[in-house]
């Protein structure tokens, strides 16, 4: 019998429409139900979605390392590179430090100074430094600030504000006139040509105007 879903009338088998109300009767499905295992598999994602969970993914198959030591598929070269433990060794610098200049090495081997032997304050000493040492008279108006200031030893103003230059460099000491009015002399020789250095040694006499100076060199012990 086929029961009508509209009026509840029970009709004979094989009818398409209800004899009681004329409504179409639902066909009887004869297909078999799905197997329990298949149904469980089909219902699993729906149940997981209803519970708010994501279905678990099956873990990927592990790839075996290559026989020749090459990284396996999916692995980068950095992950397969063996780590190196620190050895504690300190590597020497690739470039050797530059040797000290000859001027610096020689400058430390002696001390030089000028000793006043005639004119002004006899016996007054003026230490000389490595590099340039100007000789003249102090004058802020012209910007003259010489290392060897003979302002107090030149009452007649025979020494120019910027008179001469002594240079200590490369183990040598030179003196040159820098355009003075009354000239520069070494060991009472000819007047020095301005801008032309002349080498001087221990106990040499340097004349600046009317002031006589002696070069004193003392070794550093």
Protein backbone atom coordinates (compact mmCIF):
# COMPACT_ATOMS: atom_id res chain seq x y z
CA UNK A 1 0.00 0.00 0.00
CA UNK A 2 1.09 3.60 -0.68
CA UNK A 3 -0.06 6.13 1.92
CA UNK A 4 -0.80 9.59 0.60
CA UNK A 5 1.24 12.29 2.28
CA UNK A 6 -1.55 14.84 1.75
CA UNK A 7 -4.74 13.12 2.98
CA UNK A 8 -3.42 9.91 4.49
CA UNK A 9 -5.45 7.69 2.17
CA UNK A 10 -3.89 4.29 1.53
CA UNK A 11 -3.71 3.53 -2.19
CA UNK A 12 -2.92 0.31 -4.02
CA UNK A 13 0.57 -0.38 -5.28
CA UNK A 14 1.43 0.91 -8.76
CA UNK A 15 -0.70 4.10 -8.61
CA UNK A 16 0.89 7.48 -9.36
CA UNK A 17 -1.93 9.64 -7.97
CA UNK A 18 -3.99 9.34 -4.78
CA UNK A 19 -7.51 7.99 -5.22
CA UNK A 20 -8.68 10.05 -2.27
CA UNK A 21 -7.40 13.57 -3.10
CA UNK A 22 -5.65 13.24 -6.46
CA UNK A 23 -2.22 14.32 -5.12
CA UNK A 24 0.88 12.81 -6.69
CA UNK A 25 2.15 9.88 -4.76
CA UNK A 26 5.84 9.65 -3.87
CA UNK A 27 7.64 6.80 -5.66
CA UNK A 28 9.07 4.10 -3.45
CA UNK A 29 12.91 4.21 -3.61
CA UNK A 30 14.34 0.73 -4.05
CA UNK A 31 18.01 1.61 -3.98
CA UNK A 32 20.10 0.03 -1.27
CA UNK A 33 21.46 2.09 1.62
CA UNK A 34 25.14 3.00 1.49
CA UNK A 35 27.56 0.77 3.22
CA UNK A 36 28.26 1.74 6.85
CA UNK A 37 31.95 2.39 6.24
CA UNK A 38 31.27 4.64 3.24
CA UNK A 39 28.56 6.51 5.12
CA UNK A 40 30.84 7.09 8.05
CA UNK A 41 33.53 8.49 5.80
CA UNK A 42 31.02 10.73 4.00
CA UNK A 43 29.49 11.99 7.27
CA UNK A 44 32.88 12.68 8.97
CA UNK A 45 33.62 16.05 7.25
CA UNK A 46 30.05 17.22 7.88
CA UNK A 47 30.25 16.36 11.57
CA UNK A 48 33.65 18.07 11.87
CA UNK A 49 32.33 21.20 10.16
CA UNK A 50 29.31 21.26 12.47
CA UNK A 51 31.60 21.04 15.52
CA UNK A 52 33.81 23.90 14.22
CA UNK A 53 36.84 21.68 13.66
CA UNK A 54 39.00 21.31 10.59
CA UNK A 55 39.52 17.82 9.25
CA UNK A 56 42.96 16.47 10.02
CA UNK A 57 45.33 16.12 7.13
CA UNK A 58 47.29 12.99 6.66
CA UNK A 59 51.01 13.51 7.39
CA UNK A 60 53.24 13.69 4.31
CA UNK A 61 55.41 10.73 3.61
CA UNK A 62 58.98 11.15 4.80
CA UNK A 63 61.48 11.30 1.99
CA UNK A 64 64.59 9.26 2.42
CA UNK A 65 67.90 11.13 2.15
CA UNK A 66 69.79 10.73 -1.07
CA UNK A 67 72.62 8.27 -1.05
CA UNK A 68 75.18 10.85 -2.19
CA UNK A 69 74.44 13.23 0.70
CA UNK A 70 72.36 15.67 -1.41
CA UNK A 71 69.41 17.32 0.39
CA UNK A 72 66.13 15.44 0.15
CA UNK A 73 63.14 16.87 -1.67
CA UNK A 74 61.67 19.82 0.24
CA UNK A 75 64.87 20.42 2.17
CA UNK A 76 67.09 23.47 1.54
CA UNK A 77 70.86 23.39 1.46
CA UNK A 78 71.01 25.50 4.64
CA UNK A 79 69.07 22.95 6.71
CA UNK A 80 71.32 20.09 5.61
CA UNK A 81 74.61 21.98 6.05
CA UNK A 82 76.39 20.70 9.19
CA UNK A 83 76.96 23.28 11.90
CA UNK A 84 80.52 24.19 12.80
CA UNK A 85 81.45 24.60 16.43
CA UNK A 86 83.69 27.57 17.35
CA UNK A 87 87.33 26.61 17.65
CA UNK A 88 88.38 29.50 19.89
CA UNK A 89 91.20 30.42 17.53
CA UNK A 90 91.89 34.08 16.77
CA UNK A 91 92.71 34.67 13.14
CA UNK A 92 95.55 37.00 12.34
CA UNK A 93 94.65 40.16 10.35
CA UNK A 94 95.10 39.77 6.63
CA UNK A 95 96.99 43.04 6.39
CA UNK A 96 99.95 43.80 8.60
CA UNK A 97 99.76 47.16 10.42
CA UNK A 98 101.60 49.94 8.65
CA UNK A 99 105.03 50.54 10.16
CA UNK A 100 105.60 53.77 11.98
CA UNK A 101 106.97 56.52 9.81
CA UNK A 102 110.68 57.21 9.90
CA UNK A 103 109.97 60.73 11.10
CA UNK A 104 108.02 59.52 14.13
CA UNK A 105 110.60 56.86 14.95
CA UNK A 106 113.50 59.30 14.69
CA UNK A 107 111.68 62.08 16.50
CA UNK A 108 111.52 59.85 19.55
CA UNK A 109 115.30 59.24 19.43
CA UNK A 110 116.36 62.77 20.45
CA UNK A 111 115.21 66.11 21.79
CA UNK A 112 116.18 69.37 20.16
CA UNK A 113 116.15 72.94 21.42
CA UNK A 114 117.62 76.37 20.69
CA UNK A 115 119.80 78.02 23.32
CA UNK A 116 120.25 81.81 23.22
CA UNK A 117 123.99 82.59 23.36
CA UNK A 118 124.04 86.29 22.38
CA UNK A 119 121.48 89.06 22.65
CA UNK A 120 118.51 89.36 24.94
CA UNK A 121 118.14 86.77 27.70
CA UNK A 122 121.38 84.84 27.39
CA UNK A 123 120.94 81.16 28.31
CA UNK A 124 117.20 81.15 27.50
CA UNK A 125 116.14 77.86 25.90
CA UNK A 126 113.37 77.17 23.37
CA UNK A 127 112.28 73.51 22.98
CA UNK A 128 111.62 72.31 19.43
CA UNK A 129 108.87 69.87 18.49
CA UNK A 130 108.68 67.36 15.65
CA UNK A 131 107.41 69.08 12.51
CA UNK A 132 107.37 72.83 12.01
CA UNK A 133 108.77 75.39 14.45
CA UNK A 134 108.40 79.05 13.46
CA UNK A 135 110.88 81.64 14.73
CA UNK A 136 109.78 85.26 15.10
CA UNK A 137 107.94 87.64 17.39
CA UNK A 138 104.49 87.18 18.88
CA UNK A 139 101.91 89.56 17.38
CA UNK A 140 98.15 88.85 17.61
CA UNK A 141 97.32 91.66 15.18
CA UNK A 142 99.16 89.96 12.32
CA UNK A 143 98.39 86.43 13.52
CA UNK A 144 102.01 85.63 14.37
CA UNK A 145 102.29 83.02 17.13
CA UNK A 146 105.75 81.45 16.67
CA UNK A 147 106.94 78.39 18.59
CA UNK A 148 110.24 80.25 19.18
CA UNK A 149 109.08 83.67 20.37
CA UNK A 150 111.96 86.16 20.53
CA UNK A 151 109.82 89.22 21.35
CA UNK A 152 111.62 89.80 24.69
CA UNK A 153 115.07 89.21 23.19
CA UNK A 154 114.86 91.73 20.34
CA UNK A 155 114.74 95.29 21.74
CA UNK A 156 115.91 96.77 18.41
CA UNK A 157 113.18 94.92 16.41
CA UNK A 158 115.66 93.28 14.06
CA UNK A 159 113.62 90.06 14.02
CA UNK A 160 110.60 89.86 11.71
CA UNK A 161 107.24 88.73 13.03
CA UNK A 162 107.58 85.65 10.81
CA UNK A 163 111.32 85.31 10.37
CA UNK A 164 112.47 81.69 9.90
CA UNK A 165 111.27 78.10 10.02
CA UNK A 166 112.90 75.05 11.60
CA UNK A 167 111.58 71.63 10.56
CA UNK A 168 112.32 68.32 12.33
CA UNK A 169 111.39 65.45 10.06
CA UNK A 170 112.86 62.13 8.94
CA UNK A 171 115.68 62.30 11.46
CA UNK A 172 116.91 65.64 10.02
CA UNK A 173 116.67 69.24 11.16
CA UNK A 174 116.51 72.04 8.60
CA UNK A 175 116.22 75.80 8.84
CA UNK A 176 115.04 78.24 6.18
CA UNK A 177 114.38 81.93 5.92
CA UNK A 178 110.75 82.81 5.14
CA UNK A 179 111.23 86.32 3.77
CA UNK A 180 112.65 88.15 6.78
CA UNK A 181 113.88 91.74 6.58
CA UNK A 182 117.31 91.22 8.16
CA UNK A 183 118.00 87.68 7.02
CA UNK A 184 118.90 84.28 8.55
CA UNK A 185 122.44 82.86 8.79
CA UNK A 186 123.98 79.49 9.75
CA UNK A 187 127.49 79.40 11.31
CA UNK A 188 128.05 83.00 10.14
CA UNK A 189 127.95 81.94 6.51
CA UNK A 190 126.10 83.57 3.66
CA UNK A 191 122.58 84.81 4.08
CA UNK A 192 120.08 82.03 3.44
CA UNK A 193 117.97 82.24 0.31
CA UNK A 194 114.31 82.56 1.39
CA UNK A 195 112.40 79.31 0.94
CA UNK A 196 115.57 77.19 0.63
CA UNK A 197 116.01 74.77 3.58
CA UNK A 198 119.51 74.12 4.92
CA UNK A 199 120.30 71.14 7.15
CA UNK A 200 121.73 71.95 10.58
CA UNK A 201 123.36 69.69 13.14
CA UNK A 202 124.27 69.68 16.82
CA UNK A 203 125.98 72.89 18.07
CA UNK A 204 125.37 74.76 14.81
CA UNK A 205 124.89 78.50 15.25
CA UNK A 206 121.79 80.15 13.82
CA UNK A 207 121.68 83.95 13.59
CA UNK A 208 118.26 85.62 13.53
CA UNK A 209 118.63 89.38 13.07
CA UNK A 210 121.09 90.28 15.85
CA UNK A 211 120.20 87.29 18.03
CA UNK A 212 122.50 84.26 18.12
CA UNK A 213 121.10 80.80 18.86
CA UNK A 214 122.80 77.41 19.18
CA UNK A 215 121.16 74.13 18.23
CA UNK A 216 121.28 71.66 21.15
CA UNK A 217 120.44 68.00 20.57
CA UNK A 218 120.10 65.59 23.48
CA UNK A 219 119.56 61.86 22.93
CA UNK A 220 116.63 60.21 24.68
CA UNK A 221 117.87 57.49 27.02
